[in-house]
Structure formats: structure tokens, C-alpha cells
Amino acid sequence: MTQISRRQLASYAAESLVAGRIEVIDQLAAYLVSERRVKEADSLVRDIEKALLSYNTLVAHVSSARGLDPAQRSEIETLLKERYNAKQVAIDVQTDEDLLGGVVIRTASDEFDSSLRRNINRLKAIKV
């Protein structure tokens, strides 16, 4: 039997999700278990997020020291829509107490680190 490639799975999942068929997530999980490919789950998620970009949908993971208020969330969404020419942006916000302030935004292909820790480290590196 021929194994379905991870990219084919990601493409199928992205197409299904855009069409509103969220049950595809359960189907993929069952497939990965039955085919003993569970170790590929994280990579498959990234591939799905990349595939969603071809449908003008962006998934972003945002870490902040504190939760985002609606205005901050909206500002990040607008920034990401413009940067990626996306019609839809799905934002997953997580609180990271290790961040002193600012945010870190991760997409399938990029990372934007505007955290206070990063800025302090940049200043330390400059040392005038």
C-alpha cells in the first residue's frame, strides 16, 4: 500500500478546513494513529498551516506576558493580514510568564519577537 505524503495530507486538511469541514482533524488524528505516524503530528500541523496560506488564511501563535485585550488582538490581526495578504487570521494566544513584556508571534514560516527580553539582549549586545 502506498503511503500518503504529509504534504498531501496537509493539502487535503487545509482544503477541508477552508470548506468548514472541521471533522477532518479527527480523521487525520485517527489516520496518524492507525498508520503509526503519530510522531509526524507536529510537522503535519505546520504543513497544514503553510497550506492554509494558499487559501489566504493565516494561523498565528502569539505569546505575551499577559493576555491580549481586544484592541491589541485587533492590531496584531490587522498587521498580519497586511503582511501576509491574508483574508482571515486565526490567532492562538498563550500567556508566557517568562516574557517580561511585549509579544512573540509565530506563523508557519516566520517568527516576530518584539519581547522586552529580546530588546534588552539587543541593547546588551550593542554595549557602547
Protein backbone atom coordinates (compact mmCIF):
# COMPACT_ATOMS: atom_id res chain seq x y z
CA MET A 1 0.00 0.00 0.00
CA THR A 2 1.29 3.45 -0.88
CA GLN A 3 1.76 5.86 2.00
CA ILE A 4 0.10 9.25 1.66
CA SER A 5 2.68 12.03 1.94
CA ARG A 6 2.48 14.57 4.73
CA ARG A 7 2.09 17.36 2.18
CA GLN A 8 -0.85 15.59 0.56
CA LEU A 9 -2.46 15.19 3.98
CA ALA A 10 -1.83 18.86 4.75
CA SER A 11 -3.30 19.99 1.45
CA TYR A 12 -6.40 17.85 1.99
CA ALA A 13 -6.78 19.14 5.55
CA ALA A 14 -6.39 22.79 4.54
CA GLU A 15 -8.95 22.42 1.76
CA SER A 16 -11.37 20.71 4.13
CA LEU A 17 -10.91 23.30 6.89
CA VAL A 18 -11.49 26.20 4.48
CA ALA A 19 -14.69 24.44 3.36
CA GLY A 20 -15.79 24.27 7.01
CA ARG A 21 -15.31 20.52 7.45
CA ILE A 22 -13.60 20.56 10.85
CA GLU A 23 -14.16 16.83 11.31
CA VAL A 24 -11.07 16.42 9.13
CA ILE A 25 -8.99 16.97 12.28
CA ASP A 26 -10.45 13.85 13.91
CA GLN A 27 -9.99 11.92 10.67
CA LEU A 28 -6.34 12.93 10.43
CA ALA A 29 -5.72 12.01 14.06
CA ALA A 30 -7.27 8.59 13.51
CA TYR A 31 -5.24 8.12 10.33
CA LEU A 32 -1.97 9.01 12.06
CA VAL A 33 -2.70 6.54 14.85
CA SER A 34 -3.79 3.72 12.54
CA GLU A 35 -0.75 4.20 10.28
CA ARG A 36 1.64 4.58 13.22
CA ARG A 37 2.65 8.07 12.12
CA VAL A 38 1.84 9.92 15.34
CA LYS A 39 5.41 11.30 15.50
CA GLU A 40 4.59 13.33 12.39
CA ALA A 41 1.73 15.22 14.07
CA ASP A 42 3.68 18.41 14.87
CA SER A 43 5.16 18.55 11.38
CA LEU A 44 1.74 17.92 9.87
CA VAL A 45 0.25 20.82 11.82
CA ARG A 46 2.97 23.15 10.47
CA ASP A 47 2.36 21.83 6.95
CA ILE A 48 -1.38 22.45 7.30
CA GLU A 49 -0.70 26.00 8.49
CA LYS A 50 1.53 26.56 5.43
CA ALA A 51 -1.11 25.06 3.14
CA LEU A 52 -3.77 27.35 4.61
CA LEU A 53 -1.77 30.34 3.37
CA SER A 54 -2.60 29.32 -0.20
CA TYR A 55 -6.25 29.88 0.79
CA ASN A 56 -5.40 33.33 2.23
CA THR A 57 -5.82 32.04 5.77
CA LEU A 58 -3.05 32.57 8.31
CA VAL A 59 -2.62 30.82 11.64
CA ALA A 60 -0.56 32.76 14.18
CA HIS A 61 0.60 31.72 17.63
CA VAL A 62 1.03 34.72 19.90
CA SER A 63 2.82 34.58 23.24
CA SER A 64 2.56 37.51 25.62
CA ALA A 65 3.39 38.20 29.24
CA ARG A 66 -0.27 38.97 29.87
CA GLY A 67 -3.38 38.24 27.86
CA LEU A 68 -4.20 40.50 24.93
CA ASP A 69 -7.05 42.96 25.15
CA PRO A 70 -9.40 43.20 22.13
CA ALA A 71 -7.60 46.29 20.75
CA GLN A 72 -4.20 44.57 20.85
CA ARG A 73 -5.62 41.44 19.28
CA SER A 74 -7.21 43.50 16.52
CA GLU A 75 -3.96 45.39 15.90
CA ILE A 76 -2.00 42.14 15.56
CA GLU A 77 -4.66 40.71 13.26
CA THR A 78 -4.53 43.80 11.03
CA LEU A 79 -0.73 43.71 10.93
CA LEU A 80 -0.71 40.03 9.95
CA LYS A 81 -3.44 40.45 7.31
CA GLU A 82 -1.40 43.20 5.65
CA ARG A 83 1.94 41.40 5.90
CA TYR A 84 0.66 38.08 4.53
CA ASN A 85 -2.14 39.38 2.32
CA ALA A 86 -4.48 37.13 4.27
CA LYS A 87 -8.24 37.43 4.27
CA GLN A 88 -8.57 35.51 7.51
CA VAL A 89 -6.28 35.29 10.51
CA ALA A 90 -6.68 32.75 13.30
CA ILE A 91 -4.80 33.83 16.42
CA ASP A 92 -3.89 31.42 19.20
CA VAL A 93 -2.89 33.48 22.26
CA GLN A 94 -0.85 31.95 25.04
CA THR A 95 0.43 33.59 28.20
CA ASP A 96 4.15 33.12 28.80
CA GLU A 97 5.24 34.36 32.22
CA ASP A 98 8.88 34.16 31.11
CA LEU A 99 8.28 37.12 28.82
CA LEU A 100 8.79 40.36 30.69
CA GLY A 101 6.65 42.28 28.22
CA GLY A 102 5.88 42.55 24.52
CA VAL A 103 4.84 39.70 22.27
CA VAL A 104 6.29 36.89 20.20
CA ILE A 105 4.31 35.99 17.07
CA ARG A 106 4.95 32.68 15.30
CA THR A 107 3.49 31.67 11.97
CA ALA A 108 4.22 28.59 9.88
CA SER A 109 7.08 30.41 8.17
CA ASP A 110 8.16 33.30 10.40
CA GLU A 111 8.76 34.47 13.94
CA PHE A 112 8.46 38.07 15.12
CA ASP A 113 10.00 38.66 18.51
CA SER A 114 9.20 42.05 19.98
CA SER A 115 9.56 40.87 23.55
CA LEU A 116 11.20 43.04 26.18
CA ARG A 117 13.77 40.31 26.83
CA ARG A 118 14.90 40.37 23.19
CA ASN A 119 15.18 44.15 23.20
CA ILE A 120 17.22 44.08 26.42
CA ASN A 121 19.52 41.44 24.93
CA ARG A 122 19.98 43.59 21.80
CA LEU A 123 20.94 46.54 23.97
CA LYS A 124 23.41 44.40 25.90
CA ALA A 125 24.97 43.26 22.63
CA ILE A 126 25.47 46.85 21.47
CA LYS A 127 27.36 47.90 24.63
CA VAL A 128 28.60 51.34 23.79
